[in-house]
Amino acid sequence: MAAKLKLIETSGGPPRALGKHGMAPWRRVQEEYDVSDAAGVELLCLAAQALDRAKICREQIDQMGELGVVNGVAVKEHPLLRHEIAKEVSS
């Protein structure tokens, strides 16, 4: 017979450190749904981390600009643009 699954008690905080952008949805979702199962906590933490990374990418893009000049001629998009879009879409 298969072993029964057990809920893992959490302290209410995320299992890994989150930045200010990731903590906001963590708190909002926890207040509304009280996610306490291991899979739910992990997925919520991963989504919050992705949002933190997307915001970090956005800050760097804002500082450096979305387009750059290569060899004084060609215009090339900032390489973090793709990462920022992918993270925000997956969040």
PDB file of N, CA and C in Angstrom:
ATOM      1  N   MET A   1       0.843  -1.173   0.000  1.00  0.00           N
ATOM      2  CA  MET A   1       0.000   0.000   0.000  1.00  0.00           C
ATOM      3  C   MET A   1       0.895   1.245   0.000  1.00  0.00           C
ATOM      4  N   ALA A   2       0.508   2.258  -0.728  1.00  0.00           N
ATOM      5  CA  ALA A   2       1.291   3.489  -0.835  1.00  0.00           C
ATOM      6  C   ALA A   2       1.289   4.249   0.489  1.00  0.00           C
ATOM      7  N   ALA A   3       2.415   4.885   0.771  1.00  0.00           N
ATOM      8  CA  ALA A   3       2.527   5.680   1.996  1.00  0.00           C
ATOM      9  C   ALA A   3       1.671   6.937   1.875  1.00  0.00           C
ATOM     10  N   LYS A   4       1.111   7.362   2.975  1.00  0.00           N
ATOM     11  CA  LYS A   4       0.291   8.573   2.986  1.00  0.00           C
ATOM     12  C   LYS A   4       1.187   9.797   2.970  1.00  0.00           C
ATOM     13  N   LEU A   5       0.737  10.823   2.269  1.00  0.00           N
ATOM     14  CA  LEU A   5       1.467  12.084   2.220  1.00  0.00           C
ATOM     15  C   LEU A   5       1.228  12.851   3.510  1.00  0.00           C
ATOM     16  N   LYS A   6       2.236  13.549   3.957  1.00  0.00           N
ATOM     17  CA  LYS A   6       2.116  14.369   5.155  1.00  0.00           C
ATOM     18  C   LYS A   6       2.324  15.828   4.792  1.00  0.00           C
ATOM     19  N   LEU A   7       1.573  16.697   5.423  1.00  0.00           N
ATOM     20  CA  LEU A   7       1.787  18.124   5.242  1.00  0.00           C
ATOM     21  C   LEU A   7       3.028  18.537   6.014  1.00  0.00           C
ATOM     22  N   ILE A   8       3.785  19.435   5.444  1.00  0.00           N
ATOM     23  CA  ILE A   8       4.965  19.960   6.106  1.00  0.00           C
ATOM     24  C   ILE A   8       4.601  21.310   6.691  1.00  0.00           C
ATOM     25  N   GLU A   9       4.804  21.452   7.980  1.00  0.00           N
ATOM     26  CA  GLU A   9       4.501  22.726   8.640  1.00  0.00           C
ATOM     27  C   GLU A   9       5.538  23.765   8.213  1.00  0.00           C
ATOM     28  N   THR A  10       5.070  24.948   7.879  1.00  0.00           N
ATOM     29  CA  THR A  10       5.975  26.032   7.535  1.00  0.00           C
ATOM     30  C   THR A  10       5.822  27.129   8.569  1.00  0.00           C
ATOM     31  N   SER A  11       6.815  27.959   8.666  1.00  0.00           N
ATOM     32  CA  SER A  11       6.789  29.048   9.641  1.00  0.00           C
ATOM     33  C   SER A  11       5.927  30.203   9.153  1.00  0.00           C
ATOM     34  N   GLY A  12       5.330  30.070   7.990  1.00  0.00           N
ATOM     35  CA  GLY A  12       4.523  31.149   7.433  1.00  0.00           C
ATOM     36  C   GLY A  12       5.299  31.990   6.439  1.00  0.00           C
ATOM     37  N   GLY A  13       6.618  31.891   6.486  1.00  0.00           N
ATOM     38  CA  GLY A  13       7.451  32.633   5.550  1.00  0.00           C
ATOM     39  C   GLY A  13       7.886  31.745   4.401  1.00  0.00           C
ATOM     40  N   PRO A  14       8.451  32.337   3.368  1.00  0.00           N
ATOM     41  CA  PRO A  14       8.920  31.546   2.232  1.00  0.00           C
ATOM     42  C   PRO A  14      10.111  30.675   2.618  1.00  0.00           C
ATOM     43  N   PRO A  15      10.295  29.548   1.925  1.00  0.00           N
ATOM     44  CA  PRO A  15      11.411  28.655   2.243  1.00  0.00           C
ATOM     45  C   PRO A  15      12.773  29.234   1.862  1.00  0.00           C
ATOM     46  N   ARG A  16      12.778  30.228   0.982  1.00  0.00           N
ATOM     47  CA  ARG A  16      14.011  30.902   0.577  1.00  0.00           C
ATOM     48  C   ARG A  16      13.777  32.411   0.607  1.00  0.00           C
ATOM     49  N   ALA A  17      14.851  33.159   0.695  1.00  0.00           N
ATOM     50  CA  ALA A  17      14.746  34.618   0.773  1.00  0.00           C
ATOM     51  C   ALA A  17      14.119  35.187  -0.498  1.00  0.00           C
ATOM     52  N   LEU A  18      13.255  36.166  -0.306  1.00  0.00           N
ATOM     53  CA  LEU A  18      12.635  36.867  -1.419  1.00  0.00           C
ATOM     54  C   LEU A  18      12.910  38.358  -1.284  1.00  0.00           C
ATOM     55  N   GLY A  19      12.952  39.029  -2.418  1.00  0.00           N
ATOM     56  CA  GLY A  19      13.095  40.483  -2.412  1.00  0.00           C
ATOM     57  C   GLY A  19      11.745  41.140  -2.182  1.00  0.00           C
ATOM     58  N   LYS A  20      11.737  42.465  -2.199  1.00  0.00           N
ATOM     59  CA  LYS A  20      10.492  43.179  -1.904  1.00  0.00           C
ATOM     60  C   LYS A  20       9.410  42.914  -2.952  1.00  0.00           C
ATOM     61  N   HIS A  21       9.802  42.716  -4.202  1.00  0.00           N
ATOM     62  CA  HIS A  21       8.812  42.465  -5.248  1.00  0.00           C
ATOM     63  C   HIS A  21       8.208  41.072  -5.115  1.00  0.00           C
ATOM     64  N   GLY A  22       8.990  40.107  -4.682  1.00  0.00           N
ATOM     65  CA  GLY A  22       8.497  38.748  -4.502  1.00  0.00           C
ATOM     66  C   GLY A  22       7.710  38.568  -3.212  1.00  0.00           C
ATOM     67  N   MET A  23       8.067  39.319  -2.177  1.00  0.00           N
ATOM     68  CA  MET A  23       7.365  39.192  -0.897  1.00  0.00           C
ATOM     69  C   MET A  23       5.929  39.705  -0.983  1.00  0.00           C
ATOM     70  N   ALA A  24       5.677  40.692  -1.810  1.00  0.00           N
ATOM     71  CA  ALA A  24       4.320  41.248  -1.912  1.00  0.00           C
ATOM     72  C   ALA A  24       3.309  40.184  -2.365  1.00  0.00           C
ATOM     73  N   PRO A  25       3.547  39.477  -3.479  1.00  0.00           N
ATOM     74  CA  PRO A  25       2.585  38.437  -3.852  1.00  0.00           C
ATOM     75  C   PRO A  25       2.592  37.257  -2.888  1.00  0.00           C
ATOM     76  N   TRP A  26       3.748  36.951  -2.287  1.00  0.00           N
ATOM     77  CA  TRP A  26       3.807  35.869  -1.294  1.00  0.00           C
ATOM     78  C   TRP A  26       2.814  36.165  -0.170  1.00  0.00           C
ATOM     79  N   ARG A  27       2.897  37.364   0.378  1.00  0.00           N
ATOM     80  CA  ARG A  27       2.003  37.741   1.488  1.00  0.00           C
ATOM     81  C   ARG A  27       0.541  37.762   1.049  1.00  0.00           C
ATOM     82  N   ARG A  28       0.298  38.347  -0.135  1.00  0.00           N
ATOM     83  CA  ARG A  28      -1.075  38.459  -0.643  1.00  0.00           C
ATOM     84  C   ARG A  28      -1.713  37.085  -0.820  1.00  0.00           C
ATOM     85  N   VAL A  29      -0.989  36.166  -1.440  1.00  0.00           N
ATOM     86  CA  VAL A  29      -1.523  34.817  -1.681  1.00  0.00           C
ATOM     87  C   VAL A  29      -1.677  34.068  -0.357  1.00  0.00           C
ATOM     88  N   GLN A  30      -0.708  34.198   0.528  1.00  0.00           N
ATOM     89  CA  GLN A  30      -0.806  33.503   1.812  1.00  0.00           C
ATOM     90  C   GLN A  30      -1.980  34.033   2.646  1.00  0.00           C
ATOM     91  N   GLU A  31      -2.218  35.331   2.610  1.00  0.00           N
ATOM     92  CA  GLU A  31      -3.348  35.902   3.353  1.00  0.00           C
ATOM     93  C   GLU A  31      -4.680  35.388   2.814  1.00  0.00           C
ATOM     94  N   GLU A  32      -4.765  35.268   1.491  1.00  0.00           N
ATOM     95  CA  GLU A  32      -6.028  34.860   0.886  1.00  0.00           C
ATOM     96  C   GLU A  32      -6.236  33.348   0.900  1.00  0.00           C
ATOM     97  N   TYR A  33      -5.172  32.566   0.657  1.00  0.00           N
ATOM     98  CA  TYR A  33      -5.325  31.119   0.489  1.00  0.00           C
ATOM     99  C   TYR A  33      -4.651  30.275   1.563  1.00  0.00           C
ATOM    100  N   ASP A  34      -3.748  30.844   2.359  1.00  0.00           N
ATOM    101  CA  ASP A  34      -3.033  30.107   3.399  1.00  0.00           C
ATOM    102  C   ASP A  34      -2.424  28.810   2.855  1.00  0.00           C
ATOM    103  N   VAL A  35      -1.577  28.960   1.856  1.00  0.00           N
ATOM    104  CA  VAL A  35      -0.925  27.810   1.219  1.00  0.00           C
ATOM    105  C   VAL A  35       0.035  27.176   2.220  1.00  0.00           C
ATOM    106  N   SER A  36      -0.174  25.882   2.516  1.00  0.00           N
ATOM    107  CA  SER A  36       0.698  25.235   3.499  1.00  0.00           C
ATOM    108  C   SER A  36       1.243  23.891   3.030  1.00  0.00           C
ATOM    109  N   ASP A  37       0.721  23.363   1.916  1.00  0.00           N
ATOM    110  CA  ASP A  37       1.265  22.087   1.437  1.00  0.00           C
ATOM    111  C   ASP A  37       2.616  22.338   0.773  1.00  0.00           C
ATOM    112  N   ALA A  38       3.495  21.350   0.827  1.00  0.00           N
ATOM    113  CA  ALA A  38       4.870  21.506   0.347  1.00  0.00           C
ATOM    114  C   ALA A  38       4.928  21.929  -1.122  1.00  0.00           C
ATOM    115  N   ALA A  39       4.105  21.325  -1.966  1.00  0.00           N
ATOM    116  CA  ALA A  39       4.126  21.659  -3.394  1.00  0.00           C
ATOM    117  C   ALA A  39       3.631  23.085  -3.625  1.00  0.00           C
ATOM    118  N   GLY A  40       2.575  23.457  -2.941  1.00  0.00           N
ATOM    119  CA  GLY A  40       2.033  24.808  -3.087  1.00  0.00           C
ATOM    120  C   GLY A  40       3.007  25.863  -2.623  1.00  0.00           C
ATOM    121  N   VAL A  41       3.675  25.618  -1.486  1.00  0.00           N
ATOM    122  CA  VAL A  41       4.661  26.558  -0.959  1.00  0.00           C
ATOM    123  C   VAL A  41       5.815  26.709  -1.945  1.00  0.00           C
ATOM    124  N   GLU A  42       6.278  25.591  -2.498  1.00  0.00           N
ATOM    125  CA  GLU A  42       7.391  25.638  -3.452  1.00  0.00           C
ATOM    126  C   GLU A  42       7.007  26.393  -4.722  1.00  0.00           C
ATOM    127  N   LEU A  43       5.827  26.113  -5.264  1.00  0.00           N
ATOM    128  CA  LEU A  43       5.399  26.812  -6.479  1.00  0.00           C
ATOM    129  C   LEU A  43       5.224  28.306  -6.241  1.00  0.00           C
ATOM    130  N   LEU A  44       4.640  28.658  -5.114  1.00  0.00           N
ATOM    131  CA  LEU A  44       4.468  30.069  -4.791  1.00  0.00           C
ATOM    132  C   LEU A  44       5.822  30.755  -4.640  1.00  0.00           C
ATOM    133  N   CYS A  45       6.769  30.086  -3.996  1.00  0.00           N
ATOM    134  CA  CYS A  45       8.106  30.646  -3.821  1.00  0.00           C
ATOM    135  C   CYS A  45       8.805  30.827  -5.174  1.00  0.00           C
ATOM    136  N   LEU A  46       8.688  29.841  -6.051  1.00  0.00           N
ATOM    137  CA  LEU A  46       9.306  29.944  -7.382  1.00  0.00           C
ATOM    138  C   LEU A  46       8.710  31.101  -8.180  1.00  0.00           C
ATOM    139  N   ALA A  47       7.395  31.277  -8.109  1.00  0.00           N
ATOM    140  CA  ALA A  47       6.745  32.385  -8.814  1.00  0.00           C
ATOM    141  C   ALA A  47       7.212  33.723  -8.253  1.00  0.00           C
ATOM    142  N   ALA A  48       7.327  33.810  -6.933  1.00  0.00           N
ATOM    143  CA  ALA A  48       7.785  35.053  -6.308  1.00  0.00           C
ATOM    144  C   ALA A  48       9.234  35.350  -6.668  1.00  0.00           C
ATOM    145  N   GLN A  49      10.079  34.313  -6.714  1.00  0.00           N
ATOM    146  CA  GLN A  49      11.477  34.506  -7.121  1.00  0.00           C
ATOM    147  C   GLN A  49      11.561  34.969  -8.573  1.00  0.00           C
ATOM    148  N   ALA A  50      10.714  34.424  -9.436  1.00  0.00           N
ATOM    149  CA  ALA A  50      10.704  34.830 -10.847  1.00  0.00           C
ATOM    150  C   ALA A  50      10.331  36.308 -10.966  1.00  0.00           C
ATOM    151  N   LEU A  51       9.386  36.754 -10.163  1.00  0.00           N
ATOM    152  CA  LEU A  51       9.013  38.165 -10.187  1.00  0.00           C
ATOM    153  C   LEU A  51      10.178  39.033  -9.707  1.00  0.00           C
ATOM    154  N   ASP A  52      10.873  38.606  -8.665  1.00  0.00           N
ATOM    155  CA  ASP A  52      12.059  39.342  -8.209  1.00  0.00           C
ATOM    156  C   ASP A  52      13.082  39.463  -9.329  1.00  0.00           C
ATOM    157  N   ARG A  53      13.338  38.356 -10.025  1.00  0.00           N
ATOM    158  CA  ARG A  53      14.332  38.377 -11.111  1.00  0.00           C
ATOM    159  C   ARG A  53      13.888  39.283 -12.249  1.00  0.00           C
ATOM    160  N   ALA A  54      12.614  39.245 -12.597  1.00  0.00           N
ATOM    161  CA  ALA A  54      12.102  40.103 -13.670  1.00  0.00           C
ATOM    162  C   ALA A  54      12.283  41.573 -13.305  1.00  0.00           C
ATOM    163  N   LYS A  55      12.034  41.912 -12.061  1.00  0.00           N
ATOM    164  CA  LYS A  55      12.201  43.303 -11.623  1.00  0.00           C
ATOM    165  C   LYS A  55      13.669  43.719 -11.640  1.00  0.00           C
ATOM    166  N   ILE A  56      14.566  42.806 -11.274  1.00  0.00           N
ATOM    167  CA  ILE A  56      15.999  43.100 -11.336  1.00  0.00           C
ATOM    168  C   ILE A  56      16.423  43.333 -12.783  1.00  0.00           C
ATOM    169  N   CYS A  57      15.929  42.485 -13.687  1.00  0.00           N
ATOM    170  CA  CYS A  57      16.225  42.668 -15.113  1.00  0.00           C
ATOM    171  C   CYS A  57      15.726  44.036 -15.578  1.00  0.00           C
ATOM    172  N   ARG A  58      14.513  44.398 -15.190  1.00  0.00           N
ATOM    173  CA  ARG A  58      13.922  45.681 -15.594  1.00  0.00           C
ATOM    174  C   ARG A  58      14.767  46.843 -15.098  1.00  0.00           C
ATOM    175  N   GLU A  59      15.240  46.781 -13.856  1.00  0.00           N
ATOM    176  CA  GLU A  59      16.062  47.858 -13.314  1.00  0.00           C
ATOM    177  C   GLU A  59      17.361  48.005 -14.103  1.00  0.00           C
ATOM    178  N   GLN A  60      17.993  46.883 -14.455  1.00  0.00           N
ATOM    179  CA  GLN A  60      19.231  46.946 -15.234  1.00  0.00           C
ATOM    180  C   GLN A  60      18.970  47.478 -16.633  1.00  0.00           C
ATOM    181  N   ILE A  61      17.872  47.058 -17.239  1.00  0.00           N
ATOM    182  CA  ILE A  61      17.527  47.540 -18.579  1.00  0.00           C
ATOM    183  C   ILE A  61      17.253  49.041 -18.536  1.00  0.00           C
ATOM    184  N   ASP A  62      16.553  49.491 -17.502  1.00  0.00           N
ATOM    185  CA  ASP A  62      16.271  50.921 -17.363  1.00  0.00           C
ATOM    186  C   ASP A  62      17.561  51.726 -17.216  1.00  0.00           C
ATOM    187  N   GLN A  63      18.545  51.188 -16.503  1.00  0.00           N
ATOM    188  CA  GLN A  63      19.820  51.887 -16.323  1.00  0.00           C
ATOM    189  C   GLN A  63      20.634  51.927 -17.605  1.00  0.00           C
ATOM    190  N   MET A  64      20.663  50.802 -18.321  1.00  0.00           N
ATOM    191  CA  MET A  64      21.529  50.688 -19.497  1.00  0.00           C
ATOM    192  C   MET A  64      20.834  51.061 -20.803  1.00  0.00           C
ATOM    193  N   GLY A  65      19.524  51.033 -20.799  1.00  0.00           N
ATOM    194  CA  GLY A  65      18.766  51.292 -22.026  1.00  0.00           C
ATOM    195  C   GLY A  65      18.369  49.990 -22.703  1.00  0.00           C
ATOM    196  N   GLU A  66      17.268  50.046 -23.432  1.00  0.00           N
ATOM    197  CA  GLU A  66      16.773  48.843 -24.104  1.00  0.00           C
ATOM    198  C   GLU A  66      17.560  48.504 -25.362  1.00  0.00           C
ATOM    199  N   LEU A  67      18.171  49.515 -25.961  1.00  0.00           N
ATOM    200  CA  LEU A  67      18.947  49.300 -27.177  1.00  0.00           C
ATOM    201  C   LEU A  67      20.375  49.754 -26.964  1.00  0.00           C
ATOM    202  N   GLY A  68      21.272  49.096 -27.657  1.00  0.00           N
ATOM    203  CA  GLY A  68      22.682  49.464 -27.564  1.00  0.00           C
ATOM    204  C   GLY A  68      23.298  49.547 -28.944  1.00  0.00           C
ATOM    205  N   VAL A  69      24.409  50.255 -29.023  1.00  0.00           N
ATOM    206  CA  VAL A  69      25.124  50.385 -30.284  1.00  0.00           C
ATOM    207  C   VAL A  69      26.311  49.434 -30.242  1.00  0.00           C
ATOM    208  N   VAL A  70      26.418  48.625 -31.275  1.00  0.00           N
ATOM    209  CA  VAL A  70      27.514  47.663 -31.380  1.00  0.00           C
ATOM    210  C   VAL A  70      28.469  48.151 -32.457  1.00  0.00           C
ATOM    211  N   ASN A  71      29.738  48.272 -32.112  1.00  0.00           N
ATOM    212  CA  ASN A  71      30.774  48.752 -33.046  1.00  0.00           C
ATOM    213  C   ASN A  71      30.410  50.111 -33.643  1.00  0.00           C
ATOM    214  N   GLY A  72      29.697  50.902 -32.891  1.00  0.00           N
ATOM    215  CA  GLY A  72      29.350  52.245 -33.334  1.00  0.00           C
ATOM    216  C   GLY A  72      28.327  52.298 -34.453  1.00  0.00           C
ATOM    217  N   VAL A  73      27.771  51.154 -34.861  1.00  0.00           N
ATOM    218  CA  VAL A  73      26.857  51.170 -35.994  1.00  0.00           C
ATOM    219  C   VAL A  73      25.534  50.486 -35.672  1.00  0.00           C
ATOM    220  N   ALA A  74      25.578  49.195 -35.495  1.00  0.00           N
ATOM    221  CA  ALA A  74      24.358  48.394 -35.395  1.00  0.00           C
ATOM    222  C   ALA A  74      23.645  48.618 -34.060  1.00  0.00           C
ATOM    223  N   VAL A  75      22.339  48.596 -34.091  1.00  0.00           N
ATOM    224  CA  VAL A  75      21.542  48.707 -32.880  1.00  0.00           C
ATOM    225  C   VAL A  75      21.117  47.301 -32.478  1.00  0.00           C
ATOM    226  N   LYS A  76      21.334  46.988 -31.208  1.00  0.00           N
ATOM    227  CA  LYS A  76      21.020  45.654 -30.718  1.00  0.00           C
ATOM    228  C   LYS A  76      20.224  45.786 -29.422  1.00  0.00           C
ATOM    229  N   GLU A  77      19.207  44.920 -29.245  1.00  0.00           N
ATOM    230  CA  GLU A  77      18.409  44.977 -28.011  1.00  0.00           C
ATOM    231  C   GLU A  77      19.201  44.447 -26.834  1.00  0.00           C
ATOM    232  N   HIS A  78      18.853  44.941 -25.664  1.00  0.00           N
ATOM    233  CA  HIS A  78      19.510  44.507 -24.430  1.00  0.00           C
ATOM    234  C   HIS A  78      19.214  43.021 -24.220  1.00  0.00           C
ATOM    235  N   PRO A  79      20.225  42.190 -23.911  1.00  0.00           N
ATOM    236  CA  PRO A  79      20.001  40.752 -23.756  1.00  0.00           C
ATOM    237  C   PRO A  79      19.048  40.375 -22.614  1.00  0.00           C
ATOM    238  N   LEU A  80      18.877  41.228 -21.623  1.00  0.00           N
ATOM    239  CA  LEU A  80      17.975  40.920 -20.519  1.00  0.00           C
ATOM    240  C   LEU A  80      16.499  41.111 -20.872  1.00  0.00           C
ATOM    241  N   LEU A  81      16.209  41.760 -22.005  1.00  0.00           N
ATOM    242  CA  LEU A  81      14.806  41.954 -22.396  1.00  0.00           C
ATOM    243  C   LEU A  81      14.062  40.631 -22.496  1.00  0.00           C
ATOM    244  N   ARG A  82      14.676  39.645 -23.105  1.00  0.00           N
ATOM    245  CA  ARG A  82      14.027  38.333 -23.257  1.00  0.00           C
ATOM    246  C   ARG A  82      13.777  37.683 -21.900  1.00  0.00           C
ATOM    247  N   HIS A  83      14.749  37.797 -21.002  1.00  0.00           N
ATOM    248  CA  HIS A  83      14.608  37.199 -19.672  1.00  0.00           C
ATOM    249  C   HIS A  83      13.505  37.888 -18.879  1.00  0.00           C
ATOM    250  N   GLU A  84      13.460  39.204 -18.979  1.00  0.00           N
ATOM    251  CA  GLU A  84      12.436  39.943 -18.248  1.00  0.00           C
ATOM    252  C   GLU A  84      11.045  39.546 -18.730  1.00  0.00           C
ATOM    253  N   ILE A  85      10.858  39.478 -20.032  1.00  0.00           N
ATOM    254  CA  ILE A  85       9.553  39.113 -20.597  1.00  0.00           C
ATOM    255  C   ILE A  85       9.192  37.676 -20.210  1.00  0.00           C
ATOM    256  N   ALA A  86      10.148  36.763 -20.297  1.00  0.00           N
ATOM    257  CA  ALA A  86       9.871  35.366 -19.952  1.00  0.00           C
ATOM    258  C   ALA A  86       9.486  35.220 -18.488  1.00  0.00           C
ATOM    259  N   LYS A  87      10.154  35.935 -17.608  1.00  0.00           N
ATOM    260  CA  LYS A  87       9.861  35.836 -16.170  1.00  0.00           C
ATOM    261  C   LYS A  87       8.499  36.434 -15.846  1.00  0.00           C
ATOM    262  N   GLU A  88       8.165  37.576 -16.449  1.00  0.00           N
ATOM    263  CA  GLU A  88       6.886  38.206 -16.147  1.00  0.00           C
ATOM    264  C   GLU A  88       5.730  37.401 -16.721  1.00  0.00           C
ATOM    265  N   VAL A  89       5.933  36.772 -17.867  1.00  0.00           N
ATOM    266  CA  VAL A  89       4.864  35.953 -18.448  1.00  0.00           C
ATOM    267  C   VAL A  89       4.640  34.705 -17.608  1.00  0.00           C
ATOM    268  N   SER A  90       5.734  34.115 -17.083  1.00  0.00           N
ATOM    269  CA  SER A  90       5.589  32.885 -16.305  1.00  0.00           C
ATOM    270  C   SER A  90       5.092  33.146 -14.881  1.00  0.00           C
ATOM    271  N   SER A  91       5.160  34.375 -14.413  1.00  0.00           N
ATOM    272  CA  SER A  91       4.726  34.689 -13.048  1.00  0.00           C
ATOM    273  C   SER A  91       3.232  34.776 -12.933  1.00  0.00           C
TER     274      SER A  91
END
